[in-house]
């Protein structure tokens, strides 16, 4: 018999401040990343930052007002969101 245990930590609660995104994980750890890692959240209002939902079984968080998603894995691996590519206007 082959059994595999999924040990990926899941987000159980989240707090977003003017400076940080802090997640409490199911394994007891707390991980915090700078708000600046998400350009969408950095540009969002405080109300938009408060309006989030934990998605899946805690794999990540979604902010519907600004269409932003952050995963627990991304926070743990230190992967910031990529800003949009700016057009130079030249060809």
C-alpha atoms as a PDB file:
ATOM      1  CA  UNK A   1       0.000   0.000   0.000  1.00  0.00           C
ATOM      2  CA  UNK A   2       1.345   3.419  -0.942  1.00  0.00           C
ATOM      3  CA  UNK A   3       0.290   6.367   1.164  1.00  0.00           C
ATOM      4  CA  UNK A   4       1.536   9.885   0.779  1.00  0.00           C
ATOM      5  CA  UNK A   5       1.066  12.544   3.404  1.00  0.00           C
ATOM      6  CA  UNK A   6       0.721  16.100   2.270  1.00  0.00           C
ATOM      7  CA  UNK A   7       2.688  18.219   4.700  1.00  0.00           C
ATOM      8  CA  UNK A   8       2.393  21.547   2.964  1.00  0.00           C
ATOM      9  CA  UNK A   9       1.647  24.219   5.561  1.00  0.00           C
ATOM     10  CA  UNK A  10      -1.698  25.912   5.122  1.00  0.00           C
ATOM     11  CA  UNK A  11      -2.711  29.444   6.011  1.00  0.00           C
ATOM     12  CA  UNK A  12      -5.193  29.487   8.875  1.00  0.00           C
ATOM     13  CA  UNK A  13      -5.300  33.255   9.445  1.00  0.00           C
ATOM     14  CA  UNK A  14      -3.910  36.386   7.850  1.00  0.00           C
ATOM     15  CA  UNK A  15      -3.220  39.966   8.849  1.00  0.00           C
ATOM     16  CA  UNK A  16      -2.330  42.759   6.434  1.00  0.00           C
ATOM     17  CA  UNK A  17      -0.875  46.011   7.734  1.00  0.00           C
ATOM     18  CA  UNK A  18       0.487  49.064   5.945  1.00  0.00           C
ATOM     19  CA  UNK A  19       3.891  47.350   5.906  1.00  0.00           C
ATOM     20  CA  UNK A  20       3.498  43.552   6.120  1.00  0.00           C
ATOM     21  CA  UNK A  21       1.468  40.495   5.161  1.00  0.00           C
ATOM     22  CA  UNK A  22       1.554  38.041   8.082  1.00  0.00           C
ATOM     23  CA  UNK A  23       0.160  34.511   7.892  1.00  0.00           C
ATOM     24  CA  UNK A  24      -0.374  32.029  10.700  1.00  0.00           C
ATOM     25  CA  UNK A  25       0.242  28.546   9.322  1.00  0.00           C
ATOM     26  CA  UNK A  26      -1.365  25.250  10.267  1.00  0.00           C
ATOM     27  CA  UNK A  27       1.965  23.874  11.507  1.00  0.00           C
ATOM     28  CA  UNK A  28       2.331  26.658  14.089  1.00  0.00           C
ATOM     29  CA  UNK A  29       4.731  28.879  12.163  1.00  0.00           C
ATOM     30  CA  UNK A  30       4.144  32.542  11.436  1.00  0.00           C
ATOM     31  CA  UNK A  31       5.515  33.952   8.197  1.00  0.00           C
ATOM     32  CA  UNK A  32       5.638  37.630   7.356  1.00  0.00           C
ATOM     33  CA  UNK A  33       6.630  39.303   4.093  1.00  0.00           C
ATOM     34  CA  UNK A  34       6.818  42.987   3.171  1.00  0.00           C
ATOM     35  CA  UNK A  35       3.650  44.440   1.692  1.00  0.00           C
ATOM     36  CA  UNK A  36       5.843  45.841  -1.089  1.00  0.00           C
ATOM     37  CA  UNK A  37       6.250  42.255  -2.383  1.00  0.00           C
ATOM     38  CA  UNK A  38       2.780  42.661  -3.860  1.00  0.00           C
ATOM     39  CA  UNK A  39       2.525  45.765  -6.015  1.00  0.00           C
ATOM     40  CA  UNK A  40      -1.244  45.310  -6.180  1.00  0.00           C
ATOM     41  CA  UNK A  41      -1.594  45.257  -2.402  1.00  0.00           C
ATOM     42  CA  UNK A  42       0.841  48.155  -2.063  1.00  0.00           C
ATOM     43  CA  UNK A  43      -1.371  50.220  -4.370  1.00  0.00           C
ATOM     44  CA  UNK A  44      -4.631  49.061  -2.748  1.00  0.00           C
ATOM     45  CA  UNK A  45      -6.644  50.926  -0.151  1.00  0.00           C
ATOM     46  CA  UNK A  46      -6.815  49.695   3.438  1.00  0.00           C
ATOM     47  CA  UNK A  47     -10.386  48.514   2.793  1.00  0.00           C
ATOM     48  CA  UNK A  48      -9.302  46.517  -0.267  1.00  0.00           C
ATOM     49  CA  UNK A  49      -6.491  44.914   1.746  1.00  0.00           C
ATOM     50  CA  UNK A  50      -8.976  43.842   4.431  1.00  0.00           C
ATOM     51  CA  UNK A  51     -11.258  42.151   1.892  1.00  0.00           C
ATOM     52  CA  UNK A  52      -9.566  38.778   1.373  1.00  0.00           C
ATOM     53  CA  UNK A  53     -10.510  35.118   1.476  1.00  0.00           C
ATOM     54  CA  UNK A  54      -8.392  32.117   2.319  1.00  0.00           C
ATOM     55  CA  UNK A  55      -8.662  29.808  -0.695  1.00  0.00           C
ATOM     56  CA  UNK A  56      -8.418  26.063  -1.114  1.00  0.00           C
ATOM     57  CA  UNK A  57      -7.701  24.423   2.191  1.00  0.00           C
ATOM     58  CA  UNK A  58      -5.404  27.299   3.079  1.00  0.00           C
ATOM     59  CA  UNK A  59      -3.021  27.038   0.137  1.00  0.00           C
ATOM     60  CA  UNK A  60      -3.327  30.757  -0.459  1.00  0.00           C
ATOM     61  CA  UNK A  61      -5.218  33.999  -0.130  1.00  0.00           C
ATOM     62  CA  UNK A  62      -7.277  35.892  -2.718  1.00  0.00           C
ATOM     63  CA  UNK A  63      -8.175  39.599  -2.740  1.00  0.00           C
ATOM     64  CA  UNK A  64     -11.193  39.882  -5.090  1.00  0.00           C
ATOM     65  CA  UNK A  65     -11.230  43.700  -5.235  1.00  0.00           C
ATOM     66  CA  UNK A  66      -7.749  43.816  -6.769  1.00  0.00           C
ATOM     67  CA  UNK A  67      -7.513  40.306  -8.270  1.00  0.00           C
ATOM     68  CA  UNK A  68      -4.420  39.359  -6.250  1.00  0.00           C
ATOM     69  CA  UNK A  69      -3.422  35.899  -5.028  1.00  0.00           C
ATOM     70  CA  UNK A  70      -0.603  34.931  -2.686  1.00  0.00           C
ATOM     71  CA  UNK A  71       0.255  31.345  -1.793  1.00  0.00           C
ATOM     72  CA  UNK A  72       1.625  29.986   1.468  1.00  0.00           C
ATOM     73  CA  UNK A  73       4.380  28.327  -0.534  1.00  0.00           C
ATOM     74  CA  UNK A  74       5.298  31.623  -2.218  1.00  0.00           C
ATOM     75  CA  UNK A  75       5.508  33.371   1.136  1.00  0.00           C
ATOM     76  CA  UNK A  76       7.721  30.621   2.556  1.00  0.00           C
ATOM     77  CA  UNK A  77       9.972  30.527  -0.497  1.00  0.00           C
ATOM     78  CA  UNK A  78      10.275  34.300  -0.622  1.00  0.00           C
ATOM     79  CA  UNK A  79       8.791  34.829  -4.069  1.00  0.00           C
ATOM     80  CA  UNK A  80       7.516  38.395  -4.534  1.00  0.00           C
ATOM     81  CA  UNK A  81       4.874  39.212  -7.144  1.00  0.00           C
ATOM     82  CA  UNK A  82       6.282  40.483 -10.413  1.00  0.00           C
ATOM     83  CA  UNK A  83       5.255  44.008 -11.326  1.00  0.00           C
ATOM     84  CA  UNK A  84       3.703  44.553 -14.737  1.00  0.00           C
ATOM     85  CA  UNK A  85       6.061  45.127 -17.630  1.00  0.00           C
ATOM     86  CA  UNK A  86       6.095  48.804 -18.515  1.00  0.00           C
ATOM     87  CA  UNK A  87       5.891  49.671 -22.170  1.00  0.00           C
ATOM     88  CA  UNK A  88       8.613  52.027 -23.331  1.00  0.00           C
ATOM     89  CA  UNK A  89       6.433  53.361 -26.117  1.00  0.00           C
ATOM     90  CA  UNK A  90       9.223  52.930 -28.663  1.00  0.00           C
ATOM     91  CA  UNK A  91       9.377  50.376 -31.417  1.00  0.00           C
END
